[in-house]
Amino acid sequence: MYIASQKRKENIAEYLIYMWQVEDMIRANGLDIDKIQQNIITPSGLDEARQRELREWYESLIDMMRREDIQQKGHLQMNRNTLSQLVALHQTLLKDPRFPEYTAEFYRTLPFIVELRGKAGEYAAGEIETCFNALYGMLLMRLQGKEISPDTAAAIKQISRFIALLARDFHLDEADKLFPHDDKE
């Protein structure tokens, strides 16, 4: 909860990946709040009041996961909404000639996206979701201590650069600093 809140303010991409990880941690604990208390909350070392808040947060996420029927796989609607916001911004940036750096970075990333979609059979996933799936997959590989090939590392580096630009622009847009206001006469 505290980490998610901080990441949401600072880096939307890290926030989304973190929330996907939280969903998987909830699943790994069988959507059982007592197991989450034992394995995640108590070891956090937070004071009692913060542990109580964290428990309530996990309980609310578990409830949402059950109501949205994503106990086994999938993402919470709030996380899908965040991804949709990023996709909408991505499409806006590509169409706007004021963002050549973003467009160029996207086209440098596109071959990796196409290759990943082909390997994963993710033709239904859009470009941005494919990028997030790749970044999350890389996180899981690192957590599992799996070896990463040089080609995969190069692809992830490019995808990371591109998603970092999108995340930066997302926060600028939220602060109303991305698109200058034209004075109307």
N, C-alpha and C. Protein backbone atom coordinates (compact mmCIF):
# COMPACT_ATOMS: atom_id res chain seq x y z
N MET A 1 0.83 -1.18 0.00
CA MET A 1 0.00 0.00 0.00
C MET A 1 0.88 1.25 0.00
N TYR A 2 1.85 1.28 0.91
CA TYR A 2 2.72 2.44 1.00
C TYR A 2 3.64 2.53 -0.21
N ILE A 3 4.17 1.38 -0.60
CA ILE A 3 5.04 1.34 -1.78
C ILE A 3 4.22 1.68 -3.02
N ALA A 4 3.04 1.10 -3.13
CA ALA A 4 2.18 1.35 -4.30
C ALA A 4 1.85 2.83 -4.42
N SER A 5 1.51 3.44 -3.31
CA SER A 5 1.16 4.86 -3.31
C SER A 5 2.34 5.72 -3.77
N GLN A 6 3.52 5.40 -3.26
CA GLN A 6 4.72 6.15 -3.65
C GLN A 6 5.04 5.96 -5.12
N LYS A 7 4.98 4.71 -5.58
CA LYS A 7 5.28 4.43 -6.98
C LYS A 7 4.26 5.10 -7.90
N ARG A 8 3.00 5.13 -7.50
CA ARG A 8 1.96 5.77 -8.31
C ARG A 8 2.28 7.25 -8.53
N LYS A 9 2.80 7.89 -7.51
CA LYS A 9 3.15 9.31 -7.60
C LYS A 9 4.40 9.54 -8.45
N GLU A 10 5.36 8.62 -8.35
CA GLU A 10 6.67 8.85 -8.95
C GLU A 10 6.87 8.24 -10.33
N ASN A 11 6.34 7.01 -10.54
CA ASN A 11 6.60 6.33 -11.81
C ASN A 11 5.46 5.35 -12.08
N ILE A 12 4.59 5.71 -12.99
CA ILE A 12 3.40 4.92 -13.28
C ILE A 12 3.75 3.53 -13.79
N ALA A 13 4.85 3.40 -14.51
CA ALA A 13 5.26 2.10 -15.03
C ALA A 13 5.68 1.17 -13.88
N GLU A 14 6.48 1.69 -12.96
CA GLU A 14 6.87 0.89 -11.80
C GLU A 14 5.66 0.54 -10.96
N TYR A 15 4.72 1.47 -10.85
CA TYR A 15 3.49 1.22 -10.09
C TYR A 15 2.73 0.05 -10.70
N LEU A 16 2.54 0.05 -12.00
CA LEU A 16 1.76 -0.99 -12.64
C LEU A 16 2.44 -2.36 -12.47
N ILE A 17 3.72 -2.40 -12.68
CA ILE A 17 4.46 -3.66 -12.51
C ILE A 17 4.39 -4.12 -11.04
N TYR A 18 4.52 -3.18 -10.12
CA TYR A 18 4.41 -3.52 -8.70
C TYR A 18 3.04 -4.11 -8.38
N MET A 19 2.00 -3.49 -8.93
CA MET A 19 0.64 -3.97 -8.65
C MET A 19 0.41 -5.35 -9.26
N TRP A 20 1.01 -5.63 -10.41
CA TRP A 20 0.91 -6.98 -10.98
C TRP A 20 1.59 -7.98 -10.05
N GLN A 21 2.72 -7.55 -9.47
CA GLN A 21 3.43 -8.42 -8.54
C GLN A 21 2.58 -8.65 -7.28
N VAL A 22 1.91 -7.62 -6.80
CA VAL A 22 1.03 -7.77 -5.63
C VAL A 22 -0.08 -8.77 -5.94
N GLU A 23 -0.67 -8.67 -7.12
CA GLU A 23 -1.71 -9.63 -7.52
C GLU A 23 -1.16 -11.06 -7.45
N ASP A 24 0.05 -11.25 -7.96
CA ASP A 24 0.64 -12.59 -7.95
C ASP A 24 1.00 -13.04 -6.53
N MET A 25 1.42 -12.12 -5.68
CA MET A 25 1.71 -12.49 -4.28
C MET A 25 0.43 -12.90 -3.57
N ILE A 26 -0.66 -12.22 -3.85
CA ILE A 26 -1.95 -12.59 -3.27
C ILE A 26 -2.33 -14.00 -3.73
N ARG A 27 -2.15 -14.26 -5.02
CA ARG A 27 -2.46 -15.60 -5.55
C ARG A 27 -1.55 -16.65 -4.94
N ALA A 28 -0.27 -16.33 -4.79
CA ALA A 28 0.69 -17.29 -4.21
C ALA A 28 0.31 -17.64 -2.78
N ASN A 29 -0.40 -16.75 -2.12
CA ASN A 29 -0.86 -17.00 -0.75
C ASN A 29 -2.31 -17.47 -0.72
N GLY A 30 -2.80 -17.93 -1.85
CA GLY A 30 -4.12 -18.52 -1.94
C GLY A 30 -5.27 -17.58 -1.61
N LEU A 31 -5.08 -16.27 -1.82
CA LEU A 31 -6.08 -15.25 -1.48
C LEU A 31 -6.50 -15.37 -0.01
N ASP A 32 -5.57 -15.81 0.81
CA ASP A 32 -5.81 -16.04 2.25
C ASP A 32 -5.13 -14.93 3.05
N ILE A 33 -5.95 -14.08 3.65
CA ILE A 33 -5.41 -12.93 4.37
C ILE A 33 -4.52 -13.34 5.55
N ASP A 34 -4.82 -14.47 6.17
CA ASP A 34 -3.97 -14.91 7.29
C ASP A 34 -2.58 -15.30 6.81
N LYS A 35 -2.50 -15.95 5.65
CA LYS A 35 -1.19 -16.29 5.06
C LYS A 35 -0.45 -15.00 4.66
N ILE A 36 -1.18 -14.05 4.10
CA ILE A 36 -0.57 -12.78 3.71
C ILE A 36 -0.06 -12.06 4.95
N GLN A 37 -0.82 -12.11 6.01
CA GLN A 37 -0.38 -11.51 7.28
C GLN A 37 0.93 -12.14 7.72
N GLN A 38 0.98 -13.46 7.69
CA GLN A 38 2.15 -14.20 8.15
C GLN A 38 3.36 -14.01 7.24
N ASN A 39 3.13 -14.05 5.92
CA ASN A 39 4.24 -14.05 4.97
C ASN A 39 4.67 -12.68 4.46
N ILE A 40 3.78 -11.70 4.53
CA ILE A 40 4.09 -10.40 3.95
C ILE A 40 3.99 -9.27 4.97
N ILE A 41 2.87 -9.20 5.66
CA ILE A 41 2.61 -8.04 6.52
C ILE A 41 3.47 -8.04 7.77
N THR A 42 3.43 -9.14 8.54
CA THR A 42 4.20 -9.20 9.80
C THR A 42 5.70 -9.02 9.55
N PRO A 43 6.28 -9.71 8.54
CA PRO A 43 7.72 -9.53 8.29
C PRO A 43 8.11 -8.12 7.82
N SER A 44 7.12 -7.31 7.46
CA SER A 44 7.42 -5.97 6.96
C SER A 44 8.05 -5.08 8.02
N GLY A 45 7.84 -5.41 9.28
CA GLY A 45 8.43 -4.63 10.36
C GLY A 45 7.72 -3.31 10.63
N LEU A 46 6.55 -3.13 10.07
CA LEU A 46 5.78 -1.90 10.30
C LEU A 46 5.16 -1.93 11.70
N ASP A 47 4.86 -0.74 12.21
CA ASP A 47 4.19 -0.69 13.51
C ASP A 47 2.78 -1.26 13.38
N GLU A 48 2.14 -1.50 14.51
CA GLU A 48 0.84 -2.17 14.54
C GLU A 48 -0.23 -1.45 13.71
N ALA A 49 -0.27 -0.14 13.82
CA ALA A 49 -1.29 0.63 13.10
C ALA A 49 -1.09 0.51 11.59
N ARG A 50 0.14 0.58 11.15
CA ARG A 50 0.42 0.48 9.71
C ARG A 50 0.18 -0.95 9.21
N GLN A 51 0.48 -1.92 10.05
CA GLN A 51 0.19 -3.31 9.68
C GLN A 51 -1.31 -3.51 9.52
N ARG A 52 -2.09 -2.90 10.37
CA ARG A 52 -3.55 -2.99 10.28
C ARG A 52 -4.04 -2.37 8.97
N GLU A 53 -3.49 -1.20 8.63
CA GLU A 53 -3.85 -0.54 7.36
C GLU A 53 -3.47 -1.41 6.16
N LEU A 54 -2.28 -1.99 6.23
CA LEU A 54 -1.80 -2.84 5.15
C LEU A 54 -2.68 -4.08 5.00
N ARG A 55 -3.08 -4.66 6.13
CA ARG A 55 -3.98 -5.81 6.10
C ARG A 55 -5.31 -5.43 5.44
N GLU A 56 -5.85 -4.29 5.79
CA GLU A 56 -7.11 -3.84 5.20
C GLU A 56 -6.96 -3.63 3.69
N TRP A 57 -5.81 -3.12 3.27
CA TRP A 57 -5.55 -2.92 1.85
C TRP A 57 -5.53 -4.26 1.13
N TYR A 58 -4.79 -5.24 1.68
CA TYR A 58 -4.75 -6.56 1.08
C TYR A 58 -6.14 -7.20 1.07
N GLU A 59 -6.90 -7.03 2.13
CA GLU A 59 -8.27 -7.57 2.18
C GLU A 59 -9.13 -6.97 1.06
N SER A 60 -8.97 -5.67 0.83
CA SER A 60 -9.76 -5.04 -0.23
C SER A 60 -9.33 -5.55 -1.61
N LEU A 61 -8.04 -5.77 -1.80
CA LEU A 61 -7.57 -6.31 -3.08
C LEU A 61 -8.08 -7.74 -3.29
N ILE A 62 -8.05 -8.54 -2.23
CA ILE A 62 -8.56 -9.91 -2.31
C ILE A 62 -10.03 -9.88 -2.69
N ASP A 63 -10.78 -9.00 -2.05
CA ASP A 63 -12.21 -8.88 -2.35
C ASP A 63 -12.43 -8.49 -3.81
N MET A 64 -11.65 -7.53 -4.30
CA MET A 64 -11.77 -7.12 -5.70
C MET A 64 -11.42 -8.27 -6.64
N MET A 65 -10.36 -9.00 -6.31
CA MET A 65 -9.95 -10.11 -7.17
C MET A 65 -11.05 -11.16 -7.24
N ARG A 66 -11.71 -11.41 -6.14
CA ARG A 66 -12.81 -12.39 -6.13
C ARG A 66 -14.00 -11.86 -6.93
N ARG A 67 -14.37 -10.60 -6.70
CA ARG A 67 -15.52 -10.03 -7.40
C ARG A 67 -15.27 -9.95 -8.91
N GLU A 68 -14.01 -9.71 -9.29
CA GLU A 68 -13.67 -9.60 -10.71
C GLU A 68 -13.28 -10.95 -11.32
N ASP A 69 -13.34 -12.00 -10.51
CA ASP A 69 -13.06 -13.36 -10.94
C ASP A 69 -11.68 -13.50 -11.59
N ILE A 70 -10.68 -12.97 -10.88
CA ILE A 70 -9.31 -13.10 -11.38
C ILE A 70 -8.43 -13.79 -10.33
N GLN A 71 -9.00 -14.77 -9.65
CA GLN A 71 -8.25 -15.48 -8.63
C GLN A 71 -7.07 -16.25 -9.21
N GLN A 72 -7.21 -16.74 -10.45
CA GLN A 72 -6.16 -17.56 -11.07
C GLN A 72 -5.22 -16.76 -11.96
N LYS A 73 -5.78 -15.83 -12.71
CA LYS A 73 -4.96 -15.03 -13.64
C LYS A 73 -5.73 -13.78 -14.00
N GLY A 74 -5.01 -12.86 -14.62
CA GLY A 74 -5.63 -11.61 -15.04
C GLY A 74 -5.26 -10.48 -14.08
N HIS A 75 -5.75 -9.30 -14.41
CA HIS A 75 -5.40 -8.12 -13.63
C HIS A 75 -6.65 -7.40 -13.15
N LEU A 76 -6.53 -6.78 -12.01
CA LEU A 76 -7.62 -6.00 -11.45
C LEU A 76 -8.04 -4.90 -12.41
N GLN A 77 -9.32 -4.58 -12.38
CA GLN A 77 -9.84 -3.54 -13.27
C GLN A 77 -9.08 -2.23 -13.09
N MET A 78 -8.74 -1.88 -11.85
CA MET A 78 -8.02 -0.62 -11.64
C MET A 78 -6.66 -0.64 -12.34
N ASN A 79 -6.03 -1.81 -12.41
CA ASN A 79 -4.75 -1.92 -13.12
C ASN A 79 -4.95 -1.91 -14.63
N ARG A 80 -6.02 -2.52 -15.09
CA ARG A 80 -6.35 -2.47 -16.51
C ARG A 80 -6.69 -1.03 -16.92
N ASN A 81 -7.33 -0.30 -16.02
CA ASN A 81 -7.65 1.11 -16.32
C ASN A 81 -6.37 1.93 -16.46
N THR A 82 -5.40 1.68 -15.59
CA THR A 82 -4.11 2.38 -15.67
C THR A 82 -3.44 2.07 -17.00
N LEU A 83 -3.45 0.80 -17.38
CA LEU A 83 -2.87 0.41 -18.67
C LEU A 83 -3.61 1.11 -19.81
N SER A 84 -4.92 1.18 -19.73
CA SER A 84 -5.72 1.86 -20.77
C SER A 84 -5.36 3.34 -20.87
N GLN A 85 -5.12 3.97 -19.74
CA GLN A 85 -4.71 5.38 -19.75
C GLN A 85 -3.37 5.53 -20.46
N LEU A 86 -2.45 4.61 -20.19
CA LEU A 86 -1.15 4.65 -20.85
C LEU A 86 -1.28 4.42 -22.35
N VAL A 87 -2.14 3.50 -22.74
CA VAL A 87 -2.36 3.23 -24.16
C VAL A 87 -2.94 4.47 -24.85
N ALA A 88 -3.91 5.11 -24.21
CA ALA A 88 -4.53 6.31 -24.80
C ALA A 88 -3.49 7.42 -24.96
N LEU A 89 -2.66 7.61 -23.95
CA LEU A 89 -1.61 8.64 -24.05
C LEU A 89 -0.63 8.27 -25.15
N HIS A 90 -0.25 7.01 -25.23
CA HIS A 90 0.67 6.54 -26.26
C HIS A 90 0.13 6.88 -27.65
N GLN A 91 -1.14 6.59 -27.88
CA GLN A 91 -1.74 6.87 -29.18
C GLN A 91 -1.77 8.37 -29.47
N THR A 92 -2.05 9.16 -28.44
CA THR A 92 -2.07 10.62 -28.60
C THR A 92 -0.68 11.14 -28.95
N LEU A 93 0.33 10.65 -28.26
CA LEU A 93 1.70 11.10 -28.50
C LEU A 93 2.17 10.74 -29.91
N LEU A 94 1.81 9.54 -30.37
CA LEU A 94 2.23 9.12 -31.71
C LEU A 94 1.62 10.01 -32.79
N LYS A 95 0.42 10.49 -32.57
CA LYS A 95 -0.28 11.32 -33.57
C LYS A 95 0.16 12.78 -33.55
N ASP A 96 0.81 13.19 -32.46
CA ASP A 96 1.14 14.60 -32.28
C ASP A 96 2.58 14.88 -32.74
N PRO A 97 2.76 15.74 -33.74
CA PRO A 97 4.11 16.01 -34.26
C PRO A 97 5.03 16.72 -33.27
N ARG A 98 4.50 17.17 -32.14
CA ARG A 98 5.34 17.83 -31.13
C ARG A 98 6.17 16.84 -30.32
N PHE A 99 6.01 15.53 -30.58
CA PHE A 99 6.71 14.52 -29.78
C PHE A 99 7.54 13.58 -30.65
N PRO A 100 8.48 14.15 -31.44
CA PRO A 100 9.28 13.30 -32.32
C PRO A 100 10.19 12.33 -31.54
N GLU A 101 10.68 12.74 -30.37
CA GLU A 101 11.55 11.87 -29.57
C GLU A 101 10.77 10.62 -29.15
N TYR A 102 9.54 10.82 -28.71
CA TYR A 102 8.71 9.69 -28.29
C TYR A 102 8.43 8.77 -29.48
N THR A 103 8.04 9.34 -30.60
CA THR A 103 7.74 8.55 -31.79
C THR A 103 8.96 7.76 -32.24
N ALA A 104 10.12 8.39 -32.26
CA ALA A 104 11.35 7.72 -32.67
C ALA A 104 11.66 6.56 -31.72
N GLU A 105 11.50 6.79 -30.42
CA GLU A 105 11.78 5.74 -29.43
C GLU A 105 10.81 4.57 -29.62
N PHE A 106 9.55 4.88 -29.93
CA PHE A 106 8.58 3.82 -30.18
C PHE A 106 9.00 2.98 -31.38
N TYR A 107 9.40 3.63 -32.47
CA TYR A 107 9.77 2.88 -33.67
C TYR A 107 11.08 2.11 -33.49
N ARG A 108 11.95 2.55 -32.58
CA ARG A 108 13.13 1.75 -32.24
C ARG A 108 12.73 0.51 -31.43
N THR A 109 11.63 0.62 -30.71
CA THR A 109 11.16 -0.47 -29.84
C THR A 109 10.27 -1.45 -30.59
N LEU A 110 9.60 -0.99 -31.60
CA LEU A 110 8.60 -1.80 -32.31
C LEU A 110 9.11 -3.16 -32.79
N PRO A 111 10.31 -3.28 -33.35
CA PRO A 111 10.75 -4.63 -33.77
C PRO A 111 10.80 -5.62 -32.60
N PHE A 112 11.18 -5.14 -31.42
CA PHE A 112 11.22 -6.03 -30.25
C PHE A 112 9.80 -6.42 -29.84
N ILE A 113 8.88 -5.48 -29.93
CA ILE A 113 7.48 -5.76 -29.59
C ILE A 113 6.92 -6.82 -30.52
N VAL A 114 7.17 -6.65 -31.82
CA VAL A 114 6.68 -7.61 -32.81
C VAL A 114 7.27 -8.99 -32.54
N GLU A 115 8.56 -9.04 -32.27
CA GLU A 115 9.23 -10.32 -31.99
C GLU A 115 8.65 -10.97 -30.74
N LEU A 116 8.45 -10.18 -29.69
CA LEU A 116 7.89 -10.73 -28.45
C LEU A 116 6.48 -11.26 -28.65
N ARG A 117 5.69 -10.52 -29.40
CA ARG A 117 4.32 -10.97 -29.67
C ARG A 117 4.34 -12.31 -30.41
N GLY A 118 5.26 -12.43 -31.36
CA GLY A 118 5.36 -13.67 -32.11
C GLY A 118 5.77 -14.85 -31.24
N LYS A 119 6.75 -14.63 -30.36
CA LYS A 119 7.22 -15.69 -29.48
C LYS A 119 6.16 -16.09 -28.45
N ALA A 120 5.46 -15.10 -27.93
CA ALA A 120 4.50 -15.37 -26.86
C ALA A 120 3.11 -15.67 -27.38
N GLY A 121 2.90 -15.48 -28.67
CA GLY A 121 1.56 -15.67 -29.21
C GLY A 121 0.58 -14.65 -28.67
N GLU A 122 1.09 -13.45 -28.40
CA GLU A 122 0.29 -12.38 -27.80
C GLU A 122 -0.26 -11.43 -28.85
N TYR A 123 -0.81 -11.94 -29.90
CA TYR A 123 -1.28 -11.06 -30.95
C TYR A 123 -2.44 -10.19 -30.49
N ALA A 124 -3.16 -10.63 -29.47
CA ALA A 124 -4.29 -9.84 -28.97
C ALA A 124 -3.82 -8.68 -28.09
N ALA A 125 -2.63 -8.80 -27.50
CA ALA A 125 -2.12 -7.75 -26.63
C ALA A 125 -1.61 -6.60 -27.49
N GLY A 126 -1.90 -5.38 -27.05
CA GLY A 126 -1.40 -4.21 -27.75
C GLY A 126 0.07 -3.98 -27.48
N GLU A 127 0.63 -2.98 -28.15
CA GLU A 127 2.06 -2.72 -28.01
C GLU A 127 2.46 -2.41 -26.57
N ILE A 128 1.68 -1.56 -25.91
CA ILE A 128 2.05 -1.15 -24.55
C ILE A 128 1.92 -2.32 -23.59
N GLU A 129 0.85 -3.09 -23.71
CA GLU A 129 0.69 -4.26 -22.84
C GLU A 129 1.81 -5.27 -23.08
N THR A 130 2.20 -5.45 -24.32
CA THR A 130 3.30 -6.36 -24.63
C THR A 130 4.58 -5.88 -23.94
N CYS A 131 4.82 -4.58 -23.95
CA CYS A 131 6.00 -4.04 -23.27
C CYS A 131 5.95 -4.33 -21.77
N PHE A 132 4.80 -4.10 -21.17
CA PHE A 132 4.67 -4.37 -19.73
C PHE A 132 4.79 -5.86 -19.42
N ASN A 133 4.23 -6.70 -20.29
CA ASN A 133 4.38 -8.15 -20.09
C ASN A 133 5.85 -8.54 -20.14
N ALA A 134 6.60 -7.93 -21.06
CA ALA A 134 8.03 -8.23 -21.17
C ALA A 134 8.78 -7.77 -19.92
N LEU A 135 8.49 -6.57 -19.46
CA LEU A 135 9.16 -6.05 -18.27
C LEU A 135 8.82 -6.88 -17.03
N TYR A 136 7.56 -7.27 -16.92
CA TYR A 136 7.16 -8.09 -15.78
C TYR A 136 7.78 -9.48 -15.87
N GLY A 137 7.81 -10.03 -17.06
CA GLY A 137 8.45 -11.33 -17.26
C GLY A 137 9.93 -11.29 -16.88
N MET A 138 10.59 -10.18 -17.22
CA MET A 138 12.00 -10.02 -16.87
C MET A 138 12.16 -9.96 -15.35
N LEU A 139 11.27 -9.23 -14.68
CA LEU A 139 11.31 -9.17 -13.22
C LEU A 139 11.19 -10.57 -12.62
N LEU A 140 10.26 -11.35 -13.12
CA LEU A 140 10.06 -12.72 -12.61
C LEU A 140 11.30 -13.58 -12.87
N MET A 141 11.90 -13.43 -14.05
CA MET A 141 13.10 -14.20 -14.36
C MET A 141 14.23 -13.85 -13.40
N ARG A 142 14.38 -12.56 -13.12
CA ARG A 142 15.44 -12.14 -12.18
C ARG A 142 15.17 -12.67 -10.78
N LEU A 143 13.91 -12.60 -10.35
CA LEU A 143 13.56 -13.10 -9.02
C LEU A 143 13.81 -14.60 -8.90
N GLN A 144 13.65 -15.32 -10.01
CA GLN A 144 13.87 -16.77 -10.02
C GLN A 144 15.34 -17.13 -10.29
N GLY A 145 16.18 -16.12 -10.51
CA GLY A 145 17.59 -16.36 -10.76
C GLY A 145 17.87 -16.99 -12.11
N LYS A 146 16.96 -16.81 -13.06
CA LYS A 146 17.14 -17.39 -14.38
C LYS A 146 18.11 -16.55 -15.21
N GLU A 147 18.82 -17.24 -16.09
CA GLU A 147 19.78 -16.57 -16.96
C GLU A 147 19.04 -15.81 -18.05
N ILE A 148 19.56 -14.64 -18.39
CA ILE A 148 18.95 -13.79 -19.41
C ILE A 148 19.94 -13.67 -20.57
N SER A 149 19.45 -13.99 -21.76
CA SER A 149 20.33 -13.95 -22.93
C SER A 149 20.66 -12.50 -23.28
N PRO A 150 21.78 -12.29 -23.97
CA PRO A 150 22.14 -10.93 -24.40
C PRO A 150 21.07 -10.29 -25.28
N ASP A 151 20.44 -11.07 -26.15
CA ASP A 151 19.39 -10.54 -27.01
C ASP A 151 18.19 -10.08 -26.19
N THR A 152 17.82 -10.88 -25.20
CA THR A 152 16.70 -10.52 -24.34
C THR A 152 17.04 -9.27 -23.53
N ALA A 153 18.26 -9.22 -23.02
CA ALA A 153 18.69 -8.05 -22.24
C ALA A 153 18.65 -6.79 -23.11
N ALA A 154 19.06 -6.89 -24.36
CA ALA A 154 19.02 -5.74 -25.27
C ALA A 154 17.58 -5.31 -25.54
N ALA A 155 16.71 -6.28 -25.74
CA ALA A 155 15.30 -5.96 -25.97
C ALA A 155 14.70 -5.27 -24.76
N ILE A 156 14.98 -5.79 -23.59
CA ILE A 156 14.42 -5.22 -22.35
C ILE A 156 14.97 -3.82 -22.12
N LYS A 157 16.23 -3.61 -22.45
CA LYS A 157 16.82 -2.28 -22.29
C LYS A 157 16.09 -1.26 -23.16
N GLN A 158 15.81 -1.62 -24.41
CA GLN A 158 15.10 -0.72 -25.32
C GLN A 158 13.66 -0.50 -24.85
N ILE A 159 13.00 -1.58 -24.47
CA ILE A 159 11.62 -1.47 -23.99
C ILE A 159 11.57 -0.58 -22.74
N SER A 160 12.52 -0.75 -21.86
CA SER A 160 12.59 0.07 -20.64
C SER A 160 12.75 1.55 -20.97
N ARG A 161 13.62 1.84 -21.93
CA ARG A 161 13.82 3.25 -22.35
C ARG A 161 12.51 3.84 -22.86
N PHE A 162 11.83 3.07 -23.70
CA PHE A 162 10.57 3.54 -24.28
C PHE A 162 9.49 3.73 -23.20
N ILE A 163 9.34 2.76 -22.34
CA ILE A 163 8.31 2.85 -21.29
C ILE A 163 8.66 3.96 -20.30
N ALA A 164 9.93 4.21 -20.09
CA ALA A 164 10.33 5.33 -19.21
C ALA A 164 9.86 6.66 -19.80
N LEU A 165 9.96 6.81 -21.12
CA LEU A 165 9.46 8.02 -21.77
C LEU A 165 7.95 8.15 -21.62
N LEU A 166 7.26 7.05 -21.82
CA LEU A 166 5.80 7.06 -21.67
C LEU A 166 5.42 7.41 -20.23
N ALA A 167 6.11 6.83 -19.27
CA ALA A 167 5.82 7.11 -17.85
C ALA A 167 6.09 8.58 -17.53
N ARG A 168 7.20 9.10 -18.04
CA ARG A 168 7.51 10.52 -17.82
C ARG A 168 6.40 11.40 -18.37
N ASP A 169 5.99 11.10 -19.61
CA ASP A 169 4.95 11.91 -20.24
C ASP A 169 3.60 11.75 -19.54
N PHE A 170 3.34 10.58 -19.00
CA PHE A 170 2.10 10.35 -18.24
C PHE A 170 2.04 11.30 -17.04
N HIS A 171 3.14 11.38 -16.31
CA HIS A 171 3.16 12.24 -15.12
C HIS A 171 3.13 13.72 -15.51
N LEU A 172 3.78 14.07 -16.61
CA LEU A 172 3.68 15.46 -17.10
C LEU A 172 2.24 15.79 -17.49
N ASP A 173 1.58 14.83 -18.12
CA ASP A 173 0.19 15.03 -18.52
C ASP A 173 -0.71 15.18 -17.29
N GLU A 174 -0.48 14.35 -16.29
CA GLU A 174 -1.27 14.45 -15.05
C GLU A 174 -1.08 15.81 -14.38
N ALA A 175 0.12 16.37 -14.49
CA ALA A 175 0.41 17.67 -13.90
C ALA A 175 0.02 18.81 -14.84
N ASP A 176 -0.61 18.45 -15.96
CA ASP A 176 -1.05 19.42 -16.96
C ASP A 176 0.12 20.21 -17.55
N LYS A 177 1.26 19.51 -17.74
CA LYS A 177 2.46 20.16 -18.28
C LYS A 177 2.91 19.56 -19.60
N LEU A 178 2.17 18.59 -20.14
CA LEU A 178 2.62 17.93 -21.35
C LEU A 178 2.17 18.67 -22.60
N PHE A 179 0.93 19.08 -22.62
CA PHE A 179 0.38 19.76 -23.78
C PHE A 179 0.18 21.24 -23.44
N PRO A 180 0.96 22.11 -24.07
CA PRO A 180 0.82 23.55 -23.75
C PRO A 180 -0.57 24.04 -24.12
N HIS A 181 -1.06 24.90 -23.28
CA HIS A 181 -2.39 25.47 -23.55
C HIS A 181 -2.24 26.59 -24.56
N ASP A 182 -2.98 26.48 -25.63
CA ASP A 182 -2.96 27.54 -26.64
C ASP A 182 -3.91 28.62 -26.20
N ASP A 183 -3.41 29.84 -26.20
CA ASP A 183 -4.29 30.98 -25.84
C ASP A 183 -5.24 31.22 -26.98
N LYS A 184 -6.50 31.20 -26.67
CA LYS A 184 -7.54 31.46 -27.67
C LYS A 184 -7.93 32.93 -27.58
N GLU A 185 -8.06 33.53 -28.74
CA GLU A 185 -8.46 34.94 -28.75
C GLU A 185 -9.94 35.06 -28.80
